[in-house]
């Protein structure tokens, strides 16, 4: 039994845009895992909802709304769920008529405007039955969004460091997985990027920020209890234990050392 439920299936035989287009399908995953497998044809897989990890050639990448994976024929790929919602994916089976096209798997993200455009186009494609001539323009427009060249995004003169992107998000008490999602990453991926940039992972970065706030509060507040509240800790006893884990000394000892 397949690991997905088809929502839309259109078997097509169109030679266009340098490709032979064979099938356009909208799938809802049923299982939490799809074992690695390969096809004799190429596939483009676009995640429209849900989240998980897409494995390609043994390498796992975060997959969530807007992630597009272009996988040439013969390359093993699979899926593992990382959240409660099973994804809905748009899948295109095709072959290339241009031998010079890359044989490497590709991964890119589609923005909200492109996703909205695809949604409108898919609504016009009949879910069953052989497409008519009038349907081909919408099908080809969908394919062009998936396989057509993309305009390179403008590169800022100075790239914004990852730390500066996540610093405002780490001040809240929300879970780190939610912080990573808001920054546009899977938590493990964001941790690796932060470590490359700063030497510290996501949890360590939050602890450093909280410690800076705690030390500033201790310097200014009239008591340890007041400093604890200013630093965002509800329980002064927990604050003392946490501060000692981070610094090796109690808040009182820190104040005596000033």
C-alpha atoms as a PDB file:
ATOM      1  CA  UNK A   1       0.000   0.000   0.000  1.00  0.00           C
ATOM      2  CA  UNK A   2       1.425   3.443  -0.871  1.00  0.00           C
ATOM      3  CA  UNK A   3       2.615   5.694   1.958  1.00  0.00           C
ATOM      4  CA  UNK A   4       0.508   8.535   0.597  1.00  0.00           C
ATOM      5  CA  UNK A   5      -3.072   9.299  -0.437  1.00  0.00           C
ATOM      6  CA  UNK A   6      -3.468  10.926  -3.863  1.00  0.00           C
ATOM      7  CA  UNK A   7      -5.566  14.086  -3.910  1.00  0.00           C
ATOM      8  CA  UNK A   8      -4.973  14.938  -7.556  1.00  0.00           C
ATOM      9  CA  UNK A   9      -3.527  12.705 -10.268  1.00  0.00           C
ATOM     10  CA  UNK A  10      -3.048  13.767 -13.859  1.00  0.00           C
ATOM     11  CA  UNK A  11      -1.231  11.379 -16.193  1.00  0.00           C
ATOM     12  CA  UNK A  12       0.128  13.477 -19.000  1.00  0.00           C
ATOM     13  CA  UNK A  13       2.433  13.102 -21.993  1.00  0.00           C
ATOM     14  CA  UNK A  14       3.623  16.576 -22.837  1.00  0.00           C
ATOM     15  CA  UNK A  15       6.914  17.465 -24.534  1.00  0.00           C
ATOM     16  CA  UNK A  16       7.611  21.037 -23.485  1.00  0.00           C
ATOM     17  CA  UNK A  17      10.150  23.323 -21.836  1.00  0.00           C
ATOM     18  CA  UNK A  18      12.914  20.780 -22.525  1.00  0.00           C
ATOM     19  CA  UNK A  19      11.114  18.023 -20.612  1.00  0.00           C
ATOM     20  CA  UNK A  20       8.832  15.061 -21.137  1.00  0.00           C
ATOM     21  CA  UNK A  21       6.112  15.524 -18.534  1.00  0.00           C
ATOM     22  CA  UNK A  22       4.514  12.271 -17.355  1.00  0.00           C
ATOM     23  CA  UNK A  23       2.440  12.774 -14.198  1.00  0.00           C
ATOM     24  CA  UNK A  24       1.345  15.594 -11.915  1.00  0.00           C
ATOM     25  CA  UNK A  25       0.144  14.430  -8.506  1.00  0.00           C
ATOM     26  CA  UNK A  26      -0.913  15.971  -5.211  1.00  0.00           C
ATOM     27  CA  UNK A  27      -0.210  13.571  -2.313  1.00  0.00           C
ATOM     28  CA  UNK A  28      -1.048  13.580   1.384  1.00  0.00           C
ATOM     29  CA  UNK A  29       1.424  11.449   3.372  1.00  0.00           C
ATOM     30  CA  UNK A  30      -0.192   8.738   5.498  1.00  0.00           C
ATOM     31  CA  UNK A  31       2.886   7.201   7.131  1.00  0.00           C
ATOM     32  CA  UNK A  32       5.505   8.867   9.306  1.00  0.00           C
ATOM     33  CA  UNK A  33       8.272   7.503   7.089  1.00  0.00           C
ATOM     34  CA  UNK A  34       8.855   6.712   3.426  1.00  0.00           C
ATOM     35  CA  UNK A  35      11.850   4.416   2.968  1.00  0.00           C
ATOM     36  CA  UNK A  36      14.569   5.584   0.564  1.00  0.00           C
ATOM     37  CA  UNK A  37      13.781   4.604  -3.007  1.00  0.00           C
ATOM     38  CA  UNK A  38      14.680   5.657  -6.545  1.00  0.00           C
ATOM     39  CA  UNK A  39      12.834   5.983  -9.854  1.00  0.00           C
ATOM     40  CA  UNK A  40      13.701   5.567 -13.500  1.00  0.00           C
ATOM     41  CA  UNK A  41      12.413   9.114 -14.025  1.00  0.00           C
ATOM     42  CA  UNK A  42      13.112  12.447 -12.380  1.00  0.00           C
ATOM     43  CA  UNK A  43      10.841  14.004  -9.758  1.00  0.00           C
ATOM     44  CA  UNK A  44      10.127  17.466  -8.447  1.00  0.00           C
ATOM     45  CA  UNK A  45       8.638  17.388  -4.919  1.00  0.00           C
ATOM     46  CA  UNK A  46       7.182  20.581  -3.460  1.00  0.00           C
ATOM     47  CA  UNK A  47       6.027  20.658   0.179  1.00  0.00           C
ATOM     48  CA  UNK A  48       2.784  22.615   0.444  1.00  0.00           C
ATOM     49  CA  UNK A  49       2.084  21.945   4.133  1.00  0.00           C
ATOM     50  CA  UNK A  50       3.367  19.936   7.085  1.00  0.00           C
ATOM     51  CA  UNK A  51       6.990  19.373   7.983  1.00  0.00           C
ATOM     52  CA  UNK A  52       9.565  16.615   8.069  1.00  0.00           C
ATOM     53  CA  UNK A  53      12.953  15.661   6.712  1.00  0.00           C
ATOM     54  CA  UNK A  54      13.593  14.823   3.078  1.00  0.00           C
ATOM     55  CA  UNK A  55      16.534  12.486   2.551  1.00  0.00           C
ATOM     56  CA  UNK A  56      18.372  12.682  -0.772  1.00  0.00           C
ATOM     57  CA  UNK A  57      21.340  10.398  -1.415  1.00  0.00           C
ATOM     58  CA  UNK A  58      21.583   9.657   2.307  1.00  0.00           C
ATOM     59  CA  UNK A  59      21.596  13.320   3.367  1.00  0.00           C
ATOM     60  CA  UNK A  60      18.627  14.619   5.378  1.00  0.00           C
ATOM     61  CA  UNK A  61      17.316  18.141   4.854  1.00  0.00           C
ATOM     62  CA  UNK A  62      14.472  19.938   6.663  1.00  0.00           C
ATOM     63  CA  UNK A  63      11.307  19.968   4.548  1.00  0.00           C
ATOM     64  CA  UNK A  64       8.437  22.339   5.199  1.00  0.00           C
ATOM     65  CA  UNK A  65       6.043  24.576   3.309  1.00  0.00           C
ATOM     66  CA  UNK A  66       7.797  26.022   0.270  1.00  0.00           C
ATOM     67  CA  UNK A  67      10.697  23.545   0.094  1.00  0.00           C
ATOM     68  CA  UNK A  68      11.207  22.196  -3.425  1.00  0.00           C
ATOM     69  CA  UNK A  69      13.392  19.162  -4.117  1.00  0.00           C
ATOM     70  CA  UNK A  70      14.357  18.327  -7.707  1.00  0.00           C
ATOM     71  CA  UNK A  71      15.620  14.731  -7.788  1.00  0.00           C
ATOM     72  CA  UNK A  72      17.128  13.233 -10.979  1.00  0.00           C
ATOM     73  CA  UNK A  73      16.401   9.645 -12.011  1.00  0.00           C
ATOM     74  CA  UNK A  74      18.248   6.970 -10.057  1.00  0.00           C
ATOM     75  CA  UNK A  75      18.889   9.041  -6.927  1.00  0.00           C
ATOM     76  CA  UNK A  76      17.541   7.532  -3.702  1.00  0.00           C
ATOM     77  CA  UNK A  77      15.234   9.709  -1.638  1.00  0.00           C
ATOM     78  CA  UNK A  78      12.837   9.241   1.286  1.00  0.00           C
ATOM     79  CA  UNK A  79      10.935  11.077   4.009  1.00  0.00           C
ATOM     80  CA  UNK A  80      10.691  11.103   7.818  1.00  0.00           C
ATOM     81  CA  UNK A  81       8.073  13.048   9.791  1.00  0.00           C
ATOM     82  CA  UNK A  82       9.256  15.491  12.460  1.00  0.00           C
ATOM     83  CA  UNK A  83       5.894  16.978  13.431  1.00  0.00           C
ATOM     84  CA  UNK A  84       2.306  15.901  14.033  1.00  0.00           C
ATOM     85  CA  UNK A  85       1.012  17.103  10.644  1.00  0.00           C
ATOM     86  CA  UNK A  86       1.623  14.852   7.662  1.00  0.00           C
ATOM     87  CA  UNK A  87       2.670  16.930   4.660  1.00  0.00           C
ATOM     88  CA  UNK A  88       0.846  17.543   1.418  1.00  0.00           C
ATOM     89  CA  UNK A  89       3.238  17.460  -1.533  1.00  0.00           C
ATOM     90  CA  UNK A  90       2.965  18.384  -5.174  1.00  0.00           C
ATOM     91  CA  UNK A  91       4.902  15.773  -7.180  1.00  0.00           C
ATOM     92  CA  UNK A  92       5.860  15.994 -10.837  1.00  0.00           C
ATOM     93  CA  UNK A  93       7.265  12.965 -12.688  1.00  0.00           C
ATOM     94  CA  UNK A  94       9.262  13.912 -15.770  1.00  0.00           C
ATOM     95  CA  UNK A  95      12.284  13.194 -17.957  1.00  0.00           C
ATOM     96  CA  UNK A  96      14.680  15.690 -19.454  1.00  0.00           C
ATOM     97  CA  UNK A  97      15.203  15.913 -23.219  1.00  0.00           C
ATOM     98  CA  UNK A  98      18.404  17.922 -22.689  1.00  0.00           C
ATOM     99  CA  UNK A  99      21.423  15.739 -21.855  1.00  0.00           C
ATOM    100  CA  UNK A 100      23.352  18.778 -20.625  1.00  0.00           C
ATOM    101  CA  UNK A 101      21.002  19.380 -17.706  1.00  0.00           C
ATOM    102  CA  UNK A 102      22.469  18.809 -14.262  1.00  0.00           C
ATOM    103  CA  UNK A 103      22.382  15.335 -12.776  1.00  0.00           C
ATOM    104  CA  UNK A 104      22.633  16.686  -9.233  1.00  0.00           C
ATOM    105  CA  UNK A 105      19.699  16.928  -6.870  1.00  0.00           C
ATOM    106  CA  UNK A 106      18.612  20.489  -6.166  1.00  0.00           C
ATOM    107  CA  UNK A 107      16.882  22.098  -3.212  1.00  0.00           C
ATOM    108  CA  UNK A 108      15.400  25.577  -3.103  1.00  0.00           C
ATOM    109  CA  UNK A 109      12.581  27.436  -1.400  1.00  0.00           C
ATOM    110  CA  UNK A 110       9.597  29.032  -3.092  1.00  0.00           C
ATOM    111  CA  UNK A 111       8.235  32.228  -1.612  1.00  0.00           C
ATOM    112  CA  UNK A 112       4.635  32.865  -0.498  1.00  0.00           C
ATOM    113  CA  UNK A 113       3.741  34.689  -3.735  1.00  0.00           C
ATOM    114  CA  UNK A 114       4.801  31.702  -5.867  1.00  0.00           C
ATOM    115  CA  UNK A 115       2.981  29.267  -3.576  1.00  0.00           C
ATOM    116  CA  UNK A 116      -0.214  31.309  -3.819  1.00  0.00           C
ATOM    117  CA  UNK A 117       0.112  31.390  -7.585  1.00  0.00           C
ATOM    118  CA  UNK A 118       0.557  27.617  -7.686  1.00  0.00           C
ATOM    119  CA  UNK A 119      -2.494  27.154  -5.477  1.00  0.00           C
ATOM    120  CA  UNK A 120      -4.649  29.152  -7.901  1.00  0.00           C
ATOM    121  CA  UNK A 121      -3.294  27.205 -10.883  1.00  0.00           C
ATOM    122  CA  UNK A 122      -3.856  23.804  -9.242  1.00  0.00           C
ATOM    123  CA  UNK A 123      -7.456  24.741  -8.439  1.00  0.00           C
ATOM    124  CA  UNK A 124      -8.054  24.971 -12.196  1.00  0.00           C
ATOM    125  CA  UNK A 125      -6.599  21.510 -12.966  1.00  0.00           C
ATOM    126  CA  UNK A 126      -9.268  18.749 -12.899  1.00  0.00           C
ATOM    127  CA  UNK A 127      -8.599  16.126 -10.249  1.00  0.00           C
ATOM    128  CA  UNK A 128      -9.553  13.155 -12.403  1.00  0.00           C
ATOM    129  CA  UNK A 129      -9.937  12.258 -16.048  1.00  0.00           C
ATOM    130  CA  UNK A 130      -7.742  13.059 -18.988  1.00  0.00           C
ATOM    131  CA  UNK A 131      -6.890  16.764 -19.203  1.00  0.00           C
ATOM    132  CA  UNK A 132      -8.327  18.697 -22.112  1.00  0.00           C
ATOM    133  CA  UNK A 133      -6.411  21.061 -24.334  1.00  0.00           C
ATOM    134  CA  UNK A 134      -7.717  23.955 -22.256  1.00  0.00           C
ATOM    135  CA  UNK A 135      -6.132  22.424 -19.117  1.00  0.00           C
ATOM    136  CA  UNK A 136      -2.629  22.236 -20.585  1.00  0.00           C
ATOM    137  CA  UNK A 137      -1.893  25.933 -20.139  1.00  0.00           C
ATOM    138  CA  UNK A 138      -2.475  25.657 -16.379  1.00  0.00           C
ATOM    139  CA  UNK A 139      -0.454  22.425 -16.149  1.00  0.00           C
ATOM    140  CA  UNK A 140       2.443  23.973 -18.058  1.00  0.00           C
ATOM    141  CA  UNK A 141       2.291  27.057 -15.837  1.00  0.00           C
ATOM    142  CA  UNK A 142       2.634  24.785 -12.770  1.00  0.00           C
ATOM    143  CA  UNK A 143       5.589  22.977 -14.362  1.00  0.00           C
ATOM    144  CA  UNK A 144       7.258  26.277 -15.241  1.00  0.00           C
ATOM    145  CA  UNK A 145       7.103  27.339 -11.575  1.00  0.00           C
ATOM    146  CA  UNK A 146       8.685  24.037 -10.501  1.00  0.00           C
ATOM    147  CA  UNK A 147      11.355  23.496 -13.155  1.00  0.00           C
ATOM    148  CA  UNK A 148      11.870  26.889 -14.751  1.00  0.00           C
ATOM    149  CA  UNK A 149      14.909  29.058 -13.948  1.00  0.00           C
ATOM    150  CA  UNK A 150      14.622  31.330 -10.957  1.00  0.00           C
ATOM    151  CA  UNK A 151      15.811  34.863 -10.686  1.00  0.00           C
ATOM    152  CA  UNK A 152      18.666  35.136  -8.220  1.00  0.00           C
ATOM    153  CA  UNK A 153      17.681  37.051  -5.148  1.00  0.00           C
ATOM    154  CA  UNK A 154      19.402  40.360  -4.626  1.00  0.00           C
ATOM    155  CA  UNK A 155      22.447  39.860  -2.412  1.00  0.00           C
ATOM    156  CA  UNK A 156      22.794  42.505   0.281  1.00  0.00           C
ATOM    157  CA  UNK A 157      26.113  44.291   0.538  1.00  0.00           C
ATOM    158  CA  UNK A 158      26.577  42.787   3.995  1.00  0.00           C
ATOM    159  CA  UNK A 159      24.826  39.521   4.880  1.00  0.00           C
ATOM    160  CA  UNK A 160      22.925  39.631   8.159  1.00  0.00           C
ATOM    161  CA  UNK A 161      24.593  37.253  10.644  1.00  0.00           C
ATOM    162  CA  UNK A 162      22.448  34.372  11.849  1.00  0.00           C
ATOM    163  CA  UNK A 163      22.912  35.517  15.447  1.00  0.00           C
ATOM    164  CA  UNK A 164      21.373  38.907  14.675  1.00  0.00           C
ATOM    165  CA  UNK A 165      18.368  37.180  13.082  1.00  0.00           C
ATOM    166  CA  UNK A 166      17.639  34.942  16.072  1.00  0.00           C
ATOM    167  CA  UNK A 167      18.655  37.244  18.924  1.00  0.00           C
ATOM    168  CA  UNK A 168      15.239  39.009  19.111  1.00  0.00           C
ATOM    169  CA  UNK A 169      13.477  35.621  19.093  1.00  0.00           C
ATOM    170  CA  UNK A 170      15.549  34.132  21.911  1.00  0.00           C
ATOM    171  CA  UNK A 171      14.482  36.744  24.424  1.00  0.00           C
ATOM    172  CA  UNK A 172      11.066  35.104  24.803  1.00  0.00           C
ATOM    173  CA  UNK A 173      10.414  31.867  26.708  1.00  0.00           C
ATOM    174  CA  UNK A 174       9.031  29.983  23.713  1.00  0.00           C
ATOM    175  CA  UNK A 175      10.524  26.554  22.868  1.00  0.00           C
ATOM    176  CA  UNK A 176      13.696  26.544  20.797  1.00  0.00           C
ATOM    177  CA  UNK A 177      11.977  24.564  18.030  1.00  0.00           C
ATOM    178  CA  UNK A 178       9.481  27.429  17.675  1.00  0.00           C
ATOM    179  CA  UNK A 179      12.350  29.945  17.603  1.00  0.00           C
ATOM    180  CA  UNK A 180      13.987  27.984  14.774  1.00  0.00           C
ATOM    181  CA  UNK A 181      10.738  27.817  12.783  1.00  0.00           C
ATOM    182  CA  UNK A 182      10.235  31.571  13.077  1.00  0.00           C
ATOM    183  CA  UNK A 183      13.785  32.097  11.822  1.00  0.00           C
ATOM    184  CA  UNK A 184      13.041  29.796   8.870  1.00  0.00           C
ATOM    185  CA  UNK A 185      15.106  26.773   9.919  1.00  0.00           C
ATOM    186  CA  UNK A 186      14.819  23.350  11.513  1.00  0.00           C
ATOM    187  CA  UNK A 187      16.242  23.464  15.053  1.00  0.00           C
ATOM    188  CA  UNK A 188      19.218  21.168  14.298  1.00  0.00           C
ATOM    189  CA  UNK A 189      20.052  23.105  11.138  1.00  0.00           C
ATOM    190  CA  UNK A 190      19.944  26.431  12.976  1.00  0.00           C
ATOM    191  CA  UNK A 191      22.149  25.047  15.762  1.00  0.00           C
ATOM    192  CA  UNK A 192      24.771  23.968  13.219  1.00  0.00           C
ATOM    193  CA  UNK A 193      24.729  27.378  11.502  1.00  0.00           C
ATOM    194  CA  UNK A 194      25.092  29.200  14.825  1.00  0.00           C
ATOM    195  CA  UNK A 195      27.985  26.955  15.854  1.00  0.00           C
ATOM    196  CA  UNK A 196      29.783  27.690  12.598  1.00  0.00           C
ATOM    197  CA  UNK A 197      29.244  31.417  13.058  1.00  0.00           C
ATOM    198  CA  UNK A 198      29.742  31.862  16.811  1.00  0.00           C
ATOM    199  CA  UNK A 199      30.967  28.581  18.265  1.00  0.00           C
ATOM    200  CA  UNK A 200      27.755  28.183  20.292  1.00  0.00           C
ATOM    201  CA  UNK A 201      24.550  26.282  19.516  1.00  0.00           C
ATOM    202  CA  UNK A 202      20.985  27.493  19.972  1.00  0.00           C
ATOM    203  CA  UNK A 203      20.572  26.516  23.641  1.00  0.00           C
ATOM    204  CA  UNK A 204      24.027  27.832  24.559  1.00  0.00           C
ATOM    205  CA  UNK A 205      23.283  31.112  22.766  1.00  0.00           C
ATOM    206  CA  UNK A 206      20.052  31.558  24.727  1.00  0.00           C
ATOM    207  CA  UNK A 207      21.890  30.795  27.991  1.00  0.00           C
ATOM    208  CA  UNK A 208      24.566  33.394  27.160  1.00  0.00           C
ATOM    209  CA  UNK A 209      21.908  36.017  26.450  1.00  0.00           C
ATOM    210  CA  UNK A 210      20.061  35.211  29.679  1.00  0.00           C
ATOM    211  CA  UNK A 211      23.328  35.318  31.607  1.00  0.00           C
ATOM    212  CA  UNK A 212      24.168  38.760  30.201  1.00  0.00           C
ATOM    213  CA  UNK A 213      20.710  39.975  31.254  1.00  0.00           C
ATOM    214  CA  UNK A 214      21.076  38.361  34.685  1.00  0.00           C
ATOM    215  CA  UNK A 215      24.484  39.918  35.334  1.00  0.00           C
ATOM    216  CA  UNK A 216      23.211  43.344  34.263  1.00  0.00           C
ATOM    217  CA  UNK A 217      20.210  42.954  36.573  1.00  0.00           C
ATOM    218  CA  UNK A 218      22.429  41.941  39.499  1.00  0.00           C
ATOM    219  CA  UNK A 219      24.534  45.056  39.034  1.00  0.00           C
ATOM    220  CA  UNK A 220      21.472  47.325  39.095  1.00  0.00           C
ATOM    221  CA  UNK A 221      18.839  45.677  41.314  1.00  0.00           C
ATOM    222  CA  UNK A 222      18.760  46.205  45.106  1.00  0.00           C
ATOM    223  CA  UNK A 223      18.516  42.451  45.807  1.00  0.00           C
ATOM    224  CA  UNK A 224      19.054  39.048  44.224  1.00  0.00           C
ATOM    225  CA  UNK A 225      15.289  38.441  44.261  1.00  0.00           C
ATOM    226  CA  UNK A 226      14.663  41.669  42.360  1.00  0.00           C
ATOM    227  CA  UNK A 227      17.442  40.858  39.887  1.00  0.00           C
ATOM    228  CA  UNK A 228      15.890  37.433  39.363  1.00  0.00           C
ATOM    229  CA  UNK A 229      12.540  39.018  38.437  1.00  0.00           C
ATOM    230  CA  UNK A 230      14.158  41.569  36.120  1.00  0.00           C
ATOM    231  CA  UNK A 231      16.038  38.798  34.315  1.00  0.00           C
ATOM    232  CA  UNK A 232      12.789  36.933  33.670  1.00  0.00           C
ATOM    233  CA  UNK A 233      12.979  34.245  36.381  1.00  0.00           C
ATOM    234  CA  UNK A 234       9.871  33.623  38.477  1.00  0.00           C
ATOM    235  CA  UNK A 235      11.666  31.669  41.219  1.00  0.00           C
ATOM    236  CA  UNK A 236      14.744  33.265  42.900  1.00  0.00           C
ATOM    237  CA  UNK A 237      15.904  29.833  44.123  1.00  0.00           C
ATOM    238  CA  UNK A 238      15.848  28.436  40.595  1.00  0.00           C
ATOM    239  CA  UNK A 239      17.612  31.598  39.413  1.00  0.00           C
ATOM    240  CA  UNK A 240      20.404  30.997  41.922  1.00  0.00           C
ATOM    241  CA  UNK A 241      20.838  27.361  40.828  1.00  0.00           C
ATOM    242  CA  UNK A 242      20.753  28.306  37.146  1.00  0.00           C
ATOM    243  CA  UNK A 243      23.252  31.141  37.631  1.00  0.00           C
ATOM    244  CA  UNK A 244      25.633  28.820  39.466  1.00  0.00           C
ATOM    245  CA  UNK A 245      25.454  26.229  36.639  1.00  0.00           C
ATOM    246  CA  UNK A 246      26.354  28.915  34.130  1.00  0.00           C
ATOM    247  CA  UNK A 247      29.147  30.663  36.071  1.00  0.00           C
ATOM    248  CA  UNK A 248      30.314  28.327  38.823  1.00  0.00           C
ATOM    249  CA  UNK A 249      29.344  30.855  41.507  1.00  0.00           C
ATOM    250  CA  UNK A 250      26.158  32.085  43.168  1.00  0.00           C
ATOM    251  CA  UNK A 251      24.653  35.497  42.395  1.00  0.00           C
ATOM    252  CA  UNK A 252      25.802  36.715  45.824  1.00  0.00           C
ATOM    253  CA  UNK A 253      29.376  35.605  45.134  1.00  0.00           C
ATOM    254  CA  UNK A 254      29.204  37.351  41.745  1.00  0.00           C
ATOM    255  CA  UNK A 255      28.150  40.595  43.450  1.00  0.00           C
ATOM    256  CA  UNK A 256      30.993  40.322  46.007  1.00  0.00           C
ATOM    257  CA  UNK A 257      33.483  39.950  43.145  1.00  0.00           C
ATOM    258  CA  UNK A 258      32.442  43.253  41.550  1.00  0.00           C
END
